[in-house]
Amino acid sequence: MSENNDTQVTSISKARTLEEIADFWDTHSLADHWDETHEVEFEVRATRRRRVTLDPDIYTQVETQAHARGISPETLVNLWLVERLQEA
């Protein structure tokens, strides 16, 4: 599918939207269409992340609070850091 506004159909599913593509692959196997595929090259530019080491006891407390909020420990720590940096 292209990034422009022209309506295009994907080669295997004949889908015109991401939802149609998802619906198609929910009910089909790539193994059945392997001979219709071709090799491609692409580059992924992911945002570089940094790691910070936490004391195991502190991490356990963060993990407990994150679980209670229904979010990952990483998300909770990032939220707390943003709040603290905005206060500074």
C-alpha atoms as a PDB file:
ATOM      1  CA  MET A   1       0.000   0.000   0.000  1.00  0.00           C
ATOM      2  CA  SER A   2       1.326   3.488  -0.714  1.00  0.00           C
ATOM      3  CA  GLU A   3       1.550   6.544   1.507  1.00  0.00           C
ATOM      4  CA  ASN A   4      -0.356   8.724  -0.956  1.00  0.00           C
ATOM      5  CA  ASN A   5      -4.114   9.001  -1.243  1.00  0.00           C
ATOM      6  CA  ASP A   6      -4.380   6.742  -4.309  1.00  0.00           C
ATOM      7  CA  THR A   7      -6.325   3.598  -3.524  1.00  0.00           C
ATOM      8  CA  GLN A   8      -4.114   0.591  -4.113  1.00  0.00           C
ATOM      9  CA  VAL A   9      -4.682  -3.078  -3.560  1.00  0.00           C
ATOM     10  CA  THR A  10      -2.167  -5.307  -1.822  1.00  0.00           C
ATOM     11  CA  SER A  11      -0.803  -8.040  -4.031  1.00  0.00           C
ATOM     12  CA  ILE A  12      -1.931 -11.106  -2.082  1.00  0.00           C
ATOM     13  CA  SER A  13      -4.975 -10.087  -0.051  1.00  0.00           C
ATOM     14  CA  LYS A  14      -6.358  -7.623  -2.608  1.00  0.00           C
ATOM     15  CA  ALA A  15      -7.183  -5.456   0.405  1.00  0.00           C
ATOM     16  CA  ARG A  16      -7.587  -1.700   0.138  1.00  0.00           C
ATOM     17  CA  THR A  17      -7.279  -0.763   3.837  1.00  0.00           C
ATOM     18  CA  LEU A  18      -5.196  -1.855   6.809  1.00  0.00           C
ATOM     19  CA  GLU A  19      -8.349  -3.290   8.371  1.00  0.00           C
ATOM     20  CA  GLU A  20      -9.008  -5.432   5.290  1.00  0.00           C
ATOM     21  CA  ILE A  21      -5.387  -6.626   5.336  1.00  0.00           C
ATOM     22  CA  ALA A  22      -5.731  -7.589   9.001  1.00  0.00           C
ATOM     23  CA  ASP A  23      -9.010  -9.393   8.358  1.00  0.00           C
ATOM     24  CA  PHE A  24      -7.461 -11.318   5.491  1.00  0.00           C
ATOM     25  CA  TRP A  25      -4.389 -12.476   7.448  1.00  0.00           C
ATOM     26  CA  ASP A  26      -6.542 -13.391  10.454  1.00  0.00           C
ATOM     27  CA  THR A  27      -8.083 -16.108   8.296  1.00  0.00           C
ATOM     28  CA  HIS A  28      -5.234 -17.041   5.922  1.00  0.00           C
ATOM     29  CA  SER A  29      -1.750 -18.499   6.275  1.00  0.00           C
ATOM     30  CA  LEU A  30       1.325 -17.069   4.610  1.00  0.00           C
ATOM     31  CA  ALA A  31       2.398 -20.654   3.972  1.00  0.00           C
ATOM     32  CA  ASP A  32      -0.438 -20.919   1.449  1.00  0.00           C
ATOM     33  CA  HIS A  33       0.846 -17.854  -0.430  1.00  0.00           C
ATOM     34  CA  TRP A  34       4.619 -18.212  -0.029  1.00  0.00           C
ATOM     35  CA  ASP A  35       5.184 -18.603  -3.778  1.00  0.00           C
ATOM     36  CA  GLU A  36       3.498 -15.209  -4.306  1.00  0.00           C
ATOM     37  CA  THR A  37       5.985 -13.350  -2.095  1.00  0.00           C
ATOM     38  CA  HIS A  38       9.261 -11.717  -3.036  1.00  0.00           C
ATOM     39  CA  GLU A  39      12.295 -10.537  -1.103  1.00  0.00           C
ATOM     40  CA  VAL A  40      12.467  -6.861  -0.165  1.00  0.00           C
ATOM     41  CA  GLU A  41      14.976  -4.631   1.584  1.00  0.00           C
ATOM     42  CA  PHE A  42      14.038  -1.903   4.022  1.00  0.00           C
ATOM     43  CA  GLU A  43      15.631   0.133   6.762  1.00  0.00           C
ATOM     44  CA  VAL A  44      14.220   0.555  10.257  1.00  0.00           C
ATOM     45  CA  ARG A  45      15.092   3.751  12.071  1.00  0.00           C
ATOM     46  CA  ALA A  46      14.213   3.164  15.697  1.00  0.00           C
ATOM     47  CA  THR A  47      14.678   5.781  18.370  1.00  0.00           C
ATOM     48  CA  ARG A  48      17.731   4.891  20.411  1.00  0.00           C
ATOM     49  CA  ARG A  49      16.931   4.065  24.006  1.00  0.00           C
ATOM     50  CA  ARG A  50      19.152   4.303  27.069  1.00  0.00           C
ATOM     51  CA  ARG A  51      19.177   1.891  29.978  1.00  0.00           C
ATOM     52  CA  VAL A  52      19.415   2.828  33.645  1.00  0.00           C
ATOM     53  CA  THR A  53      20.230   0.184  36.245  1.00  0.00           C
ATOM     54  CA  LEU A  54      17.945   0.065  39.278  1.00  0.00           C
ATOM     55  CA  ASP A  55      18.472  -1.547  42.627  1.00  0.00           C
ATOM     56  CA  PRO A  56      16.465  -4.816  42.637  1.00  0.00           C
ATOM     57  CA  ASP A  57      14.398  -3.737  45.657  1.00  0.00           C
ATOM     58  CA  ILE A  58      13.500  -0.427  43.997  1.00  0.00           C
ATOM     59  CA  TYR A  59      12.573  -2.226  40.773  1.00  0.00           C
ATOM     60  CA  THR A  60      10.274  -4.562  42.721  1.00  0.00           C
ATOM     61  CA  GLN A  61       8.461  -1.556  44.184  1.00  0.00           C
ATOM     62  CA  VAL A  62       8.192   0.097  40.762  1.00  0.00           C
ATOM     63  CA  GLU A  63       6.929  -3.142  39.259  1.00  0.00           C
ATOM     64  CA  THR A  64       4.257  -3.468  41.963  1.00  0.00           C
ATOM     65  CA  GLN A  65       3.019   0.100  41.464  1.00  0.00           C
ATOM     66  CA  ALA A  66       3.076  -0.238  37.677  1.00  0.00           C
ATOM     67  CA  HIS A  67       1.059  -3.458  37.823  1.00  0.00           C
ATOM     68  CA  ALA A  68      -1.514  -1.749  40.059  1.00  0.00           C
ATOM     69  CA  ARG A  69      -1.873   0.995  37.415  1.00  0.00           C
ATOM     70  CA  GLY A  70      -2.027  -1.465  34.529  1.00  0.00           C
ATOM     71  CA  ILE A  71       1.122  -0.157  32.837  1.00  0.00           C
ATOM     72  CA  SER A  72       4.653  -1.424  32.334  1.00  0.00           C
ATOM     73  CA  PRO A  73       7.398  -0.524  34.810  1.00  0.00           C
ATOM     74  CA  GLU A  74       9.233   1.308  32.007  1.00  0.00           C
ATOM     75  CA  THR A  75       6.185   3.473  31.289  1.00  0.00           C
ATOM     76  CA  LEU A  76       5.739   4.292  34.972  1.00  0.00           C
ATOM     77  CA  VAL A  77       9.388   5.264  35.408  1.00  0.00           C
ATOM     78  CA  ASN A  78       9.223   7.455  32.291  1.00  0.00           C
ATOM     79  CA  LEU A  79       6.058   9.154  33.566  1.00  0.00           C
ATOM     80  CA  TRP A  80       7.668   9.815  36.949  1.00  0.00           C
ATOM     81  CA  LEU A  81      10.831  11.173  35.363  1.00  0.00           C
ATOM     82  CA  VAL A  82       8.875  13.520  33.099  1.00  0.00           C
ATOM     83  CA  GLU A  83       6.927  14.817  36.110  1.00  0.00           C
ATOM     84  CA  ARG A  84      10.090  15.336  38.125  1.00  0.00           C
ATOM     85  CA  LEU A  85      11.930  17.060  35.264  1.00  0.00           C
ATOM     86  CA  GLN A  86       8.992  19.420  34.704  1.00  0.00           C
ATOM     87  CA  GLU A  87       9.160  20.402  38.397  1.00  0.00           C
ATOM     88  CA  ALA A  88      12.871  21.196  38.164  1.00  0.00           C
END
